[in-house]
Amino acid sequence: MIHRLITATLLAGLLAVTAGCNTMEGLGEDLQSLGGSVEGAASKNKNGE
């Protein structure tokens, strides 16, 4: 019984870590896109466009 509980806990932890990695990767891509947009707007503003 304890063996099943430990296995289930480890499996749930592994799934949580995997889901967290995907979420952080998506967050990184979103922040990179936002940074590019801000940089482009700043560049246009600097050049007087």
N, C-alpha and C. Protein backbone atom coordinates (compact mmCIF):
# COMPACT_ATOMS: atom_id res chain seq x y z
N MET A 1 0.82 -1.20 0.00
CA MET A 1 0.00 0.00 0.00
C MET A 1 0.86 1.26 0.00
N ILE A 2 1.89 1.28 0.83
CA ILE A 2 2.77 2.45 0.88
C ILE A 2 3.53 2.59 -0.43
N HIS A 3 3.88 1.46 -1.03
CA HIS A 3 4.59 1.49 -2.31
C HIS A 3 3.75 2.20 -3.37
N ARG A 4 2.45 1.92 -3.41
CA ARG A 4 1.56 2.58 -4.38
C ARG A 4 1.44 4.08 -4.09
N LEU A 5 1.38 4.42 -2.82
CA LEU A 5 1.28 5.83 -2.43
C LEU A 5 2.54 6.60 -2.85
N ILE A 6 3.70 6.01 -2.62
CA ILE A 6 4.96 6.66 -3.01
C ILE A 6 5.03 6.79 -4.53
N THR A 7 4.65 5.74 -5.24
CA THR A 7 4.67 5.78 -6.71
C THR A 7 3.72 6.85 -7.24
N ALA A 8 2.53 6.92 -6.68
CA ALA A 8 1.55 7.92 -7.12
C ALA A 8 2.05 9.33 -6.83
N THR A 9 2.68 9.52 -5.68
CA THR A 9 3.21 10.84 -5.31
C THR A 9 4.33 11.25 -6.25
N LEU A 10 5.23 10.33 -6.54
CA LEU A 10 6.33 10.64 -7.46
C LEU A 10 5.82 10.93 -8.86
N LEU A 11 4.83 10.19 -9.31
CA LEU A 11 4.25 10.42 -10.63
C LEU A 11 3.57 11.78 -10.69
N ALA A 12 2.83 12.13 -9.65
CA ALA A 12 2.17 13.44 -9.61
C ALA A 12 3.21 14.56 -9.60
N GLY A 13 4.30 14.37 -8.87
CA GLY A 13 5.37 15.37 -8.85
C GLY A 13 6.03 15.52 -10.21
N LEU A 14 6.26 14.41 -10.88
CA LEU A 14 6.86 14.45 -12.21
C LEU A 14 5.96 15.18 -13.20
N LEU A 15 4.67 14.92 -13.13
CA LEU A 15 3.73 15.60 -14.01
C LEU A 15 3.68 17.10 -13.73
N ALA A 16 3.74 17.46 -12.45
CA ALA A 16 3.72 18.88 -12.09
C ALA A 16 4.97 19.59 -12.60
N VAL A 17 6.12 18.94 -12.48
CA VAL A 17 7.37 19.55 -12.95
C VAL A 17 7.34 19.70 -14.47
N THR A 18 6.86 18.68 -15.15
CA THR A 18 6.78 18.74 -16.62
C THR A 18 5.84 19.86 -17.07
N ALA A 19 4.71 19.97 -16.43
CA ALA A 19 3.76 21.03 -16.77
C ALA A 19 4.36 22.40 -16.46
N GLY A 20 5.10 22.50 -15.37
CA GLY A 20 5.75 23.75 -15.00
C GLY A 20 6.78 24.18 -16.03
N CYS A 21 7.52 23.23 -16.56
CA CYS A 21 8.52 23.55 -17.58
C CYS A 21 7.86 24.11 -18.83
N ASN A 22 6.78 23.49 -19.24
CA ASN A 22 6.06 23.98 -20.42
C ASN A 22 5.51 25.38 -20.17
N THR A 23 5.02 25.61 -18.98
CA THR A 23 4.46 26.92 -18.66
C THR A 23 5.55 27.98 -18.65
N MET A 24 6.70 27.67 -18.07
CA MET A 24 7.80 28.63 -18.00
C MET A 24 8.36 28.90 -19.39
N GLU A 25 8.40 27.90 -20.24
CA GLU A 25 8.87 28.10 -21.61
C GLU A 25 7.93 29.06 -22.34
N GLY A 26 6.65 28.87 -22.18
CA GLY A 26 5.66 29.76 -22.81
C GLY A 26 5.77 31.17 -22.27
N LEU A 27 5.98 31.29 -20.96
CA LEU A 27 6.15 32.61 -20.35
C LEU A 27 7.38 33.30 -20.91
N GLY A 28 8.46 32.57 -21.06
CA GLY A 28 9.68 33.14 -21.62
C GLY A 28 9.47 33.64 -23.04
N GLU A 29 8.75 32.88 -23.84
CA GLU A 29 8.47 33.31 -25.21
C GLU A 29 7.60 34.56 -25.23
N ASP A 30 6.61 34.61 -24.34
CA ASP A 30 5.73 35.78 -24.27
C ASP A 30 6.51 37.03 -23.85
N LEU A 31 7.39 36.87 -22.87
CA LEU A 31 8.20 38.01 -22.43
C LEU A 31 9.16 38.47 -23.51
N GLN A 32 9.71 37.53 -24.26
CA GLN A 32 10.61 37.88 -25.35
C GLN A 32 9.85 38.67 -26.43
N SER A 33 8.65 38.24 -26.75
CA SER A 33 7.83 38.94 -27.73
C SER A 33 7.48 40.34 -27.24
N LEU A 34 7.12 40.45 -25.97
CA LEU A 34 6.79 41.75 -25.38
C LEU A 34 8.00 42.67 -25.43
N GLY A 35 9.17 42.14 -25.12
CA GLY A 35 10.40 42.93 -25.17
C GLY A 35 10.68 43.46 -26.57
N GLY A 36 10.44 42.62 -27.58
CA GLY A 36 10.64 43.07 -28.96
C GLY A 36 9.67 44.17 -29.34
N SER A 37 8.45 44.08 -28.87
CA SER A 37 7.46 45.12 -29.15
C SER A 37 7.84 46.44 -28.50
N VAL A 38 8.27 46.37 -27.25
CA VAL A 38 8.68 47.58 -26.54
C VAL A 38 9.90 48.19 -27.20
N GLU A 39 10.84 47.35 -27.59
CA GLU A 39 12.05 47.85 -28.26
C GLU A 39 11.70 48.54 -29.58
N GLY A 40 10.78 47.94 -30.34
CA GLY A 40 10.37 48.55 -31.60
C GLY A 40 9.68 49.88 -31.39
N ALA A 41 8.82 49.97 -30.39
CA ALA A 41 8.12 51.22 -30.10
C ALA A 41 9.10 52.30 -29.64
N ALA A 42 10.07 51.90 -28.83
CA ALA A 42 11.06 52.86 -28.36
C ALA A 42 11.92 53.37 -29.51
N SER A 43 12.25 52.47 -30.42
CA SER A 43 13.06 52.84 -31.57
C SER A 43 12.30 53.83 -32.47
N LYS A 44 11.02 53.58 -32.69
CA LYS A 44 10.20 54.49 -33.51
C LYS A 44 10.09 55.86 -32.83
N ASN A 45 9.90 55.85 -31.52
CA ASN A 45 9.77 57.10 -30.78
C ASN A 45 11.08 57.89 -30.80
N LYS A 46 12.20 57.20 -30.74
CA LYS A 46 13.51 57.84 -30.75
C LYS A 46 13.77 58.49 -32.11
N ASN A 47 13.33 57.84 -33.17
CA ASN A 47 13.57 58.35 -34.52
C ASN A 47 12.53 59.38 -34.94
N GLY A 48 11.55 59.64 -34.10
CA GLY A 48 10.54 60.65 -34.41
C GLY A 48 9.49 60.21 -35.40
N GLU A 49 9.29 58.94 -35.52
CA GLU A 49 8.29 58.42 -36.47
C GLU A 49 6.91 58.45 -35.90
